[in-house]
Amino acid sequence: MCHIPYGNYDNVADCKYLVPDYWTIGDVFERLITDSHSEGDIMDTAELIYNAWITDAQLDFNSDFYYQPRDYIYACYREGGYLDG
């Protein structure tokens, strides 16, 4: 038998900041794909990004990386890691 008490467990409502929805997250990835794509198949660029370290960094909403400016995120991806600021 489960011993979890009944109650309201809406942790999104309890957040002190705006939790990004999938459209917002998609916009961040779309900008990075657009900034990184130069020629050839854009799907190849998308696959490279989704399989790179930056995907985990952008989806870690406990850090501030997701909220950084577009040009900083692109520069980090280009350099292969976080940039000292």
PDB file of N, CA and C in Angstrom:
ATOM      1  N   MET A   1       0.844  -1.181   0.000  1.00  0.00           N
ATOM      2  CA  MET A   1       0.000   0.000   0.000  1.00  0.00           C
ATOM      3  C   MET A   1       0.888   1.242   0.000  1.00  0.00           C
ATOM      4  N   CYS A   2       0.491   2.213  -0.736  1.00  0.00           N
ATOM      5  CA  CYS A   2       1.214   3.483  -0.849  1.00  0.00           C
ATOM      6  C   CYS A   2       0.965   4.347   0.389  1.00  0.00           C
ATOM      7  N   HIS A   3       1.997   4.977   0.891  1.00  0.00           N
ATOM      8  CA  HIS A   3       1.870   5.809   2.093  1.00  0.00           C
ATOM      9  C   HIS A   3       2.023   7.294   1.772  1.00  0.00           C
ATOM     10  N   ILE A   4       1.704   7.672   0.549  1.00  0.00           N
ATOM     11  CA  ILE A   4       1.766   9.083   0.160  1.00  0.00           C
ATOM     12  C   ILE A   4       0.444   9.730   0.557  1.00  0.00           C
ATOM     13  N   PRO A   5       0.497  10.775   1.372  1.00  0.00           N
ATOM     14  CA  PRO A   5      -0.751  11.417   1.795  1.00  0.00           C
ATOM     15  C   PRO A   5      -1.404  12.181   0.639  1.00  0.00           C
ATOM     16  N   TYR A   6      -2.730  12.283   0.718  1.00  0.00           N
ATOM     17  CA  TYR A   6      -3.449  13.070  -0.269  1.00  0.00           C
ATOM     18  C   TYR A   6      -3.094  14.530  -0.095  1.00  0.00           C
ATOM     19  N   GLY A   7      -3.042  15.231  -1.209  1.00  0.00           N
ATOM     20  CA  GLY A   7      -2.730  16.652  -1.134  1.00  0.00           C
ATOM     21  C   GLY A   7      -2.534  17.234  -2.512  1.00  0.00           C
ATOM     22  N   ASN A   8      -2.186  18.486  -2.532  1.00  0.00           N
ATOM     23  CA  ASN A   8      -1.931  19.205  -3.782  1.00  0.00           C
ATOM     24  C   ASN A   8      -0.431  19.197  -4.028  1.00  0.00           C
ATOM     25  N   TYR A   9      -0.005  18.539  -5.090  1.00  0.00           N
ATOM     26  CA  TYR A   9       1.418  18.422  -5.400  1.00  0.00           C
ATOM     27  C   TYR A   9       1.768  19.140  -6.696  1.00  0.00           C
ATOM     28  N   ASP A  10       1.190  20.306  -6.891  1.00  0.00           N
ATOM     29  CA  ASP A  10       1.431  21.089  -8.107  1.00  0.00           C
ATOM     30  C   ASP A  10       2.708  21.895  -7.919  1.00  0.00           C
ATOM     31  N   ASN A  11       3.858  21.271  -8.209  1.00  0.00           N
ATOM     32  CA  ASN A  11       5.132  21.952  -7.990  1.00  0.00           C
ATOM     33  C   ASN A  11       5.382  23.070  -8.992  1.00  0.00           C
ATOM     34  N   VAL A  12       4.722  23.051 -10.129  1.00  0.00           N
ATOM     35  CA  VAL A  12       4.873  24.134 -11.099  1.00  0.00           C
ATOM     36  C   VAL A  12       4.251  25.414 -10.533  1.00  0.00           C
ATOM     37  N   ALA A  13       3.089  25.291  -9.919  1.00  0.00           N
ATOM     38  CA  ALA A  13       2.431  26.456  -9.324  1.00  0.00           C
ATOM     39  C   ALA A  13       3.248  27.026  -8.162  1.00  0.00           C
ATOM     40  N   ASP A  14       4.007  26.190  -7.490  1.00  0.00           N
ATOM     41  CA  ASP A  14       4.815  26.629  -6.350  1.00  0.00           C
ATOM     42  C   ASP A  14       6.137  27.268  -6.757  1.00  0.00           C
ATOM     43  N   CYS A  15       6.496  27.188  -8.030  1.00  0.00           N
ATOM     44  CA  CYS A  15       7.786  27.738  -8.485  1.00  0.00           C
ATOM     45  C   CYS A  15       7.809  29.248  -8.337  1.00  0.00           C
ATOM     46  N   LYS A  16       8.964  29.749  -8.069  1.00  0.00           N
ATOM     47  CA  LYS A  16       9.150  31.191  -7.925  1.00  0.00           C
ATOM     48  C   LYS A  16       9.609  31.822  -9.242  1.00  0.00           C
ATOM     49  N   TYR A  17       9.688  31.036 -10.297  1.00  0.00           N
ATOM     50  CA  TYR A  17      10.102  31.526 -11.605  1.00  0.00           C
ATOM     51  C   TYR A  17       9.249  30.838 -12.668  1.00  0.00           C
ATOM     52  N   LEU A  18       9.296  31.344 -13.859  1.00  0.00           N
ATOM     53  CA  LEU A  18       8.524  30.796 -14.967  1.00  0.00           C
ATOM     54  C   LEU A  18       9.183  29.518 -15.479  1.00  0.00           C
ATOM     55  N   VAL A  19       8.452  28.427 -15.446  1.00  0.00           N
ATOM     56  CA  VAL A  19       8.952  27.160 -15.967  1.00  0.00           C
ATOM     57  C   VAL A  19       8.734  27.171 -17.469  1.00  0.00           C
ATOM     58  N   PRO A  20       9.787  26.996 -18.276  1.00  0.00           N
ATOM     59  CA  PRO A  20       9.613  27.059 -19.726  1.00  0.00           C
ATOM     60  C   PRO A  20       8.771  25.897 -20.238  1.00  0.00           C
ATOM     61  N   ASP A  21       7.917  26.202 -21.210  1.00  0.00           N
ATOM     62  CA  ASP A  21       7.127  25.136 -21.834  1.00  0.00           C
ATOM     63  C   ASP A  21       7.896  24.604 -23.049  1.00  0.00           C
ATOM     64  N   TYR A  22       7.352  23.596 -23.692  1.00  0.00           N
ATOM     65  CA  TYR A  22       8.086  22.969 -24.793  1.00  0.00           C
ATOM     66  C   TYR A  22       8.251  23.909 -25.980  1.00  0.00           C
ATOM     67  N   TRP A  23       7.354  24.877 -26.164  1.00  0.00           N
ATOM     68  CA  TRP A  23       7.529  25.843 -27.254  1.00  0.00           C
ATOM     69  C   TRP A  23       8.734  26.734 -26.986  1.00  0.00           C
ATOM     70  N   THR A  24       8.864  27.181 -25.758  1.00  0.00           N
ATOM     71  CA  THR A  24       9.976  28.054 -25.378  1.00  0.00           C
ATOM     72  C   THR A  24      11.304  27.312 -25.495  1.00  0.00           C
ATOM     73  N   ILE A  25      11.336  26.080 -25.020  1.00  0.00           N
ATOM     74  CA  ILE A  25      12.545  25.267 -25.125  1.00  0.00           C
ATOM     75  C   ILE A  25      12.893  25.051 -26.596  1.00  0.00           C
ATOM     76  N   GLY A  26      11.874  24.757 -27.403  1.00  0.00           N
ATOM     77  CA  GLY A  26      12.090  24.565 -28.836  1.00  0.00           C
ATOM     78  C   GLY A  26      12.657  25.801 -29.504  1.00  0.00           C
ATOM     79  N   ASP A  27      12.209  26.986 -29.066  1.00  0.00           N
ATOM     80  CA  ASP A  27      12.737  28.226 -29.629  1.00  0.00           C
ATOM     81  C   ASP A  27      14.236  28.369 -29.378  1.00  0.00           C
ATOM     82  N   VAL A  28      14.680  28.002 -28.179  1.00  0.00           N
ATOM     83  CA  VAL A  28      16.111  28.098 -27.857  1.00  0.00           C
ATOM     84  C   VAL A  28      16.916  27.161 -28.761  1.00  0.00           C
ATOM     85  N   PHE A  29      16.435  25.932 -28.932  1.00  0.00           N
ATOM     86  CA  PHE A  29      17.125  24.991 -29.822  1.00  0.00           C
ATOM     87  C   PHE A  29      17.081  25.468 -31.270  1.00  0.00           C
ATOM     88  N   GLU A  30      15.948  25.996 -31.700  1.00  0.00           N
ATOM     89  CA  GLU A  30      15.816  26.475 -33.085  1.00  0.00           C
ATOM     90  C   GLU A  30      16.811  27.586 -33.369  1.00  0.00           C
ATOM     91  N   ARG A  31      16.972  28.511 -32.427  1.00  0.00           N
ATOM     92  CA  ARG A  31      17.933  29.603 -32.635  1.00  0.00           C
ATOM     93  C   ARG A  31      19.357  29.064 -32.734  1.00  0.00           C
ATOM     94  N   LEU A  32      19.699  28.087 -31.894  1.00  0.00           N
ATOM     95  CA  LEU A  32      21.045  27.516 -31.934  1.00  0.00           C
ATOM     96  C   LEU A  32      21.265  26.770 -33.247  1.00  0.00           C
ATOM     97  N   ILE A  33      20.275  26.038 -33.706  1.00  0.00           N
ATOM     98  CA  ILE A  33      20.388  25.324 -34.984  1.00  0.00           C
ATOM     99  C   ILE A  33      20.549  26.319 -36.119  1.00  0.00           C
ATOM    100  N   THR A  34      19.750  27.366 -36.109  1.00  0.00           N
ATOM    101  CA  THR A  34      19.843  28.393 -37.153  1.00  0.00           C
ATOM    102  C   THR A  34      21.200  29.078 -37.127  1.00  0.00           C
ATOM    103  N   ASP A  35      21.680  29.433 -35.950  1.00  0.00           N
ATOM    104  CA  ASP A  35      22.981  30.098 -35.831  1.00  0.00           C
ATOM    105  C   ASP A  35      24.128  29.190 -36.259  1.00  0.00           C
ATOM    106  N   SER A  36      23.996  27.891 -36.047  1.00  0.00           N
ATOM    107  CA  SER A  36      25.074  26.943 -36.332  1.00  0.00           C
ATOM    108  C   SER A  36      25.066  26.436 -37.763  1.00  0.00           C
ATOM    109  N   HIS A  37      23.947  26.545 -38.423  1.00  0.00           N
ATOM    110  CA  HIS A  37      23.806  25.983 -39.772  1.00  0.00           C
ATOM    111  C   HIS A  37      24.414  26.929 -40.802  1.00  0.00           C
ATOM    112  N   SER A  38      25.279  26.397 -41.648  1.00  0.00           N
ATOM    113  CA  SER A  38      25.864  27.227 -42.701  1.00  0.00           C
ATOM    114  C   SER A  38      25.464  26.728 -44.087  1.00  0.00           C
ATOM    115  N   GLU A  39      25.598  25.449 -44.336  1.00  0.00           N
ATOM    116  CA  GLU A  39      25.201  24.888 -45.625  1.00  0.00           C
ATOM    117  C   GLU A  39      24.950  23.395 -45.461  1.00  0.00           C
ATOM    118  N   GLY A  40      24.345  22.791 -46.460  1.00  0.00           N
ATOM    119  CA  GLY A  40      24.029  21.371 -46.364  1.00  0.00           C
ATOM    120  C   GLY A  40      22.671  21.156 -45.740  1.00  0.00           C
ATOM    121  N   ASP A  41      22.464  19.986 -45.230  1.00  0.00           N
ATOM    122  CA  ASP A  41      21.183  19.593 -44.661  1.00  0.00           C
ATOM    123  C   ASP A  41      21.043  20.124 -43.235  1.00  0.00           C
ATOM    124  N   ILE A  42      20.019  20.917 -43.003  1.00  0.00           N
ATOM    125  CA  ILE A  42      19.801  21.483 -41.674  1.00  0.00           C
ATOM    126  C   ILE A  42      19.506  20.393 -40.645  1.00  0.00           C
ATOM    127  N   MET A  43      18.971  19.279 -41.091  1.00  0.00           N
ATOM    128  CA  MET A  43      18.705  18.166 -40.176  1.00  0.00           C
ATOM    129  C   MET A  43      20.006  17.575 -39.635  1.00  0.00           C
ATOM    130  N   ASP A  44      21.060  17.602 -40.425  1.00  0.00           N
ATOM    131  CA  ASP A  44      22.369  17.156 -39.927  1.00  0.00           C
ATOM    132  C   ASP A  44      22.851  18.069 -38.796  1.00  0.00           C
ATOM    133  N   THR A  45      22.643  19.373 -38.974  1.00  0.00           N
ATOM    134  CA  THR A  45      23.012  20.328 -37.931  1.00  0.00           C
ATOM    135  C   THR A  45      22.203  20.079 -36.669  1.00  0.00           C
ATOM    136  N   ALA A  46      20.897  19.857 -36.833  1.00  0.00           N
ATOM    137  CA  ALA A  46      20.041  19.588 -35.675  1.00  0.00           C
ATOM    138  C   ALA A  46      20.493  18.331 -34.942  1.00  0.00           C
ATOM    139  N   GLU A  47      20.833  17.304 -35.685  1.00  0.00           N
ATOM    140  CA  GLU A  47      21.282  16.053 -35.063  1.00  0.00           C
ATOM    141  C   GLU A  47      22.585  16.267 -34.293  1.00  0.00           C
ATOM    142  N   LEU A  48      23.503  17.031 -34.857  1.00  0.00           N
ATOM    143  CA  LEU A  48      24.762  17.316 -34.155  1.00  0.00           C
ATOM    144  C   LEU A  48      24.508  18.026 -32.832  1.00  0.00           C
ATOM    145  N   ILE A  49      23.610  18.995 -32.850  1.00  0.00           N
ATOM    146  CA  ILE A  49      23.319  19.759 -31.642  1.00  0.00           C
ATOM    147  C   ILE A  49      22.616  18.891 -30.606  1.00  0.00           C
ATOM    148  N   TYR A  50      21.610  18.139 -31.027  1.00  0.00           N
ATOM    149  CA  TYR A  50      20.860  17.315 -30.073  1.00  0.00           C
ATOM    150  C   TYR A  50      21.724  16.215 -29.456  1.00  0.00           C
ATOM    151  N   ASN A  51      22.793  15.830 -30.121  1.00  0.00           N
ATOM    152  CA  ASN A  51      23.687  14.807 -29.587  1.00  0.00           C
ATOM    153  C   ASN A  51      24.918  15.399 -28.893  1.00  0.00           C
ATOM    154  N   ALA A  52      24.988  16.713 -28.795  1.00  0.00           N
ATOM    155  CA  ALA A  52      26.140  17.386 -28.186  1.00  0.00           C
ATOM    156  C   ALA A  52      25.880  17.662 -26.700  1.00  0.00           C
ATOM    157  N   TRP A  53      26.919  18.027 -25.996  1.00  0.00           N
ATOM    158  CA  TRP A  53      26.875  18.352 -24.573  1.00  0.00           C
ATOM    159  C   TRP A  53      25.882  19.466 -24.278  1.00  0.00           C
ATOM    160  N   ILE A  54      25.675  20.344 -25.244  1.00  0.00           N
ATOM    161  CA  ILE A  54      24.868  21.537 -25.003  1.00  0.00           C
ATOM    162  C   ILE A  54      23.397  21.220 -24.757  1.00  0.00           C
ATOM    163  N   THR A  55      22.929  20.089 -25.260  1.00  0.00           N
ATOM    164  CA  THR A  55      21.537  19.704 -25.014  1.00  0.00           C
ATOM    165  C   THR A  55      21.296  19.496 -23.525  1.00  0.00           C
ATOM    166  N   ASP A  56      22.166  18.755 -22.856  1.00  0.00           N
ATOM    167  CA  ASP A  56      22.021  18.561 -21.408  1.00  0.00           C
ATOM    168  C   ASP A  56      22.134  19.886 -20.665  1.00  0.00           C
ATOM    169  N   ALA A  57      23.028  20.759 -21.115  1.00  0.00           N
ATOM    170  CA  ALA A  57      23.206  22.055 -20.465  1.00  0.00           C
ATOM    171  C   ALA A  57      21.947  22.906 -20.598  1.00  0.00           C
ATOM    172  N   GLN A  58      21.343  22.912 -21.774  1.00  0.00           N
ATOM    173  CA  GLN A  58      20.146  23.726 -21.990  1.00  0.00           C
ATOM    174  C   GLN A  58      18.925  23.176 -21.264  1.00  0.00           C
ATOM    175  N   LEU A  59      18.902  21.887 -21.021  1.00  0.00           N
ATOM    176  CA  LEU A  59      17.747  21.283 -20.354  1.00  0.00           C
ATOM    177  C   LEU A  59      17.918  21.191 -18.838  1.00  0.00           C
ATOM    178  N   ASP A  60      19.014  21.718 -18.313  1.00  0.00           N
ATOM    179  CA  ASP A  60      19.213  21.782 -16.870  1.00  0.00           C
ATOM    180  C   ASP A  60      18.679  23.122 -16.378  1.00  0.00           C
ATOM    181  N   PHE A  61      17.403  23.139 -16.002  1.00  0.00           N
ATOM    182  CA  PHE A  61      16.761  24.387 -15.617  1.00  0.00           C
ATOM    183  C   PHE A  61      17.134  24.832 -14.214  1.00  0.00           C
ATOM    184  N   ASN A  62      17.965  24.049 -13.528  1.00  0.00           N
ATOM    185  CA  ASN A  62      18.490  24.481 -12.238  1.00  0.00           C
ATOM    186  C   ASN A  62      19.733  25.340 -12.407  1.00  0.00           C
ATOM    187  N   SER A  63      20.214  25.447 -13.621  1.00  0.00           N
ATOM    188  CA  SER A  63      21.336  26.351 -13.907  1.00  0.00           C
ATOM    189  C   SER A  63      20.777  27.552 -14.662  1.00  0.00           C
ATOM    190  N   ASP A  64      21.623  28.531 -14.879  1.00  0.00           N
ATOM    191  CA  ASP A  64      21.152  29.705 -15.616  1.00  0.00           C
ATOM    192  C   ASP A  64      21.528  29.653 -17.097  1.00  0.00           C
ATOM    193  N   PHE A  65      22.119  28.555 -17.549  1.00  0.00           N
ATOM    194  CA  PHE A  65      22.593  28.488 -18.936  1.00  0.00           C
ATOM    195  C   PHE A  65      21.457  28.667 -19.938  1.00  0.00           C
ATOM    196  N   TYR A  66      20.332  28.029 -19.689  1.00  0.00           N
ATOM    197  CA  TYR A  66      19.181  28.104 -20.592  1.00  0.00           C
ATOM    198  C   TYR A  66      18.752  29.550 -20.830  1.00  0.00           C
ATOM    199  N   TYR A  67      18.905  30.378 -19.814  1.00  0.00           N
ATOM    200  CA  TYR A  67      18.419  31.757 -19.857  1.00  0.00           C
ATOM    201  C   TYR A  67      19.454  32.752 -20.397  1.00  0.00           C
ATOM    202  N   GLN A  68      20.618  32.266 -20.800  1.00  0.00           N
ATOM    203  CA  GLN A  68      21.669  33.144 -21.301  1.00  0.00           C
ATOM    204  C   GLN A  68      21.305  33.695 -22.686  1.00  0.00           C
ATOM    205  N   PRO A  69      21.936  34.795 -23.077  1.00  0.00           N
ATOM    206  CA  PRO A  69      21.662  35.370 -24.401  1.00  0.00           C
ATOM    207  C   PRO A  69      22.029  34.408 -25.532  1.00  0.00           C
ATOM    208  N   ARG A  70      21.338  34.587 -26.629  1.00  0.00           N
ATOM    209  CA  ARG A  70      21.502  33.739 -27.816  1.00  0.00           C
ATOM    210  C   ARG A  70      22.955  33.657 -28.264  1.00  0.00           C
ATOM    211  N   ASP A  71      23.649  34.792 -28.330  1.00  0.00           N
ATOM    212  CA  ASP A  71      25.027  34.788 -28.826  1.00  0.00           C
ATOM    213  C   ASP A  71      25.974  34.056 -27.876  1.00  0.00           C
ATOM    214  N   TYR A  72      25.696  34.097 -26.568  1.00  0.00           N
ATOM    215  CA  TYR A  72      26.529  33.367 -25.609  1.00  0.00           C
ATOM    216  C   TYR A  72      26.342  31.862 -25.771  1.00  0.00           C
ATOM    217  N   ILE A  73      25.100  31.412 -25.914  1.00  0.00           N
ATOM    218  CA  ILE A  73      24.831  29.987 -26.091  1.00  0.00           C
ATOM    219  C   ILE A  73      25.510  29.480 -27.361  1.00  0.00           C
ATOM    220  N   TYR A  74      25.426  30.242 -28.427  1.00  0.00           N
ATOM    221  CA  TYR A  74      26.078  29.837 -29.678  1.00  0.00           C
ATOM    222  C   TYR A  74      27.599  29.797 -29.516  1.00  0.00           C
ATOM    223  N   ALA A  75      28.164  30.799 -28.854  1.00  0.00           N
ATOM    224  CA  ALA A  75      29.621  30.829 -28.654  1.00  0.00           C
ATOM    225  C   ALA A  75      30.077  29.634 -27.822  1.00  0.00           C
ATOM    226  N   CYS A  76      29.319  29.267 -26.811  1.00  0.00           N
ATOM    227  CA  CYS A  76      29.658  28.090 -26.000  1.00  0.00           C
ATOM    228  C   CYS A  76      29.612  26.825 -26.841  1.00  0.00           C
ATOM    229  N   TYR A  77      28.590  26.694 -27.662  1.00  0.00           N
ATOM    230  CA  TYR A  77      28.490  25.516 -28.526  1.00  0.00           C
ATOM    231  C   TYR A  77      29.679  25.455 -29.485  1.00  0.00           C
ATOM    232  N   ARG A  78      29.997  26.590 -30.093  1.00  0.00           N
ATOM    233  CA  ARG A  78      31.108  26.679 -31.048  1.00  0.00           C
ATOM    234  C   ARG A  78      32.447  26.317 -30.398  1.00  0.00           C
ATOM    235  N   GLU A  79      32.620  26.755 -29.141  1.00  0.00           N
ATOM    236  CA  GLU A  79      33.877  26.511 -28.435  1.00  0.00           C
ATOM    237  C   GLU A  79      33.920  25.153 -27.740  1.00  0.00           C
ATOM    238  N   GLY A  80      32.786  24.493 -27.637  1.00  0.00           N
ATOM    239  CA  GLY A  80      32.745  23.159 -27.037  1.00  0.00           C
ATOM    240  C   GLY A  80      32.637  23.131 -25.527  1.00  0.00           C
ATOM    241  N   GLY A  81      32.250  24.236 -24.919  1.00  0.00           N
ATOM    242  CA  GLY A  81      32.086  24.281 -23.472  1.00  0.00           C
ATOM    243  C   GLY A  81      31.706  25.669 -23.005  1.00  0.00           C
ATOM    244  N   TYR A  82      31.491  25.782 -21.713  1.00  0.00           N
ATOM    245  CA  TYR A  82      31.118  27.071 -21.133  1.00  0.00           C
ATOM    246  C   TYR A  82      32.261  28.076 -21.277  1.00  0.00           C
ATOM    247  N   LEU A  83      31.908  29.337 -21.496  1.00  0.00           N
ATOM    248  CA  LEU A  83      32.900  30.393 -21.595  1.00  0.00           C
ATOM    249  C   LEU A  83      32.978  31.133 -20.268  1.00  0.00           C
ATOM    250  N   ASP A  84      34.178  31.461 -19.852  1.00  0.00           N
ATOM    251  CA  ASP A  84      34.350  32.258 -18.629  1.00  0.00           C
ATOM    252  C   ASP A  84      33.983  33.693 -18.942  1.00  0.00           C
ATOM    253  N   GLY A  85      33.301  34.292 -18.009  1.00  0.00           N
ATOM    254  CA  GLY A  85      32.759  35.557 -18.316  1.00  0.00           C
ATOM    255  C   GLY A  85      33.281  36.765 -17.797  1.00  0.00           C
TER     256      GLY A  85
END
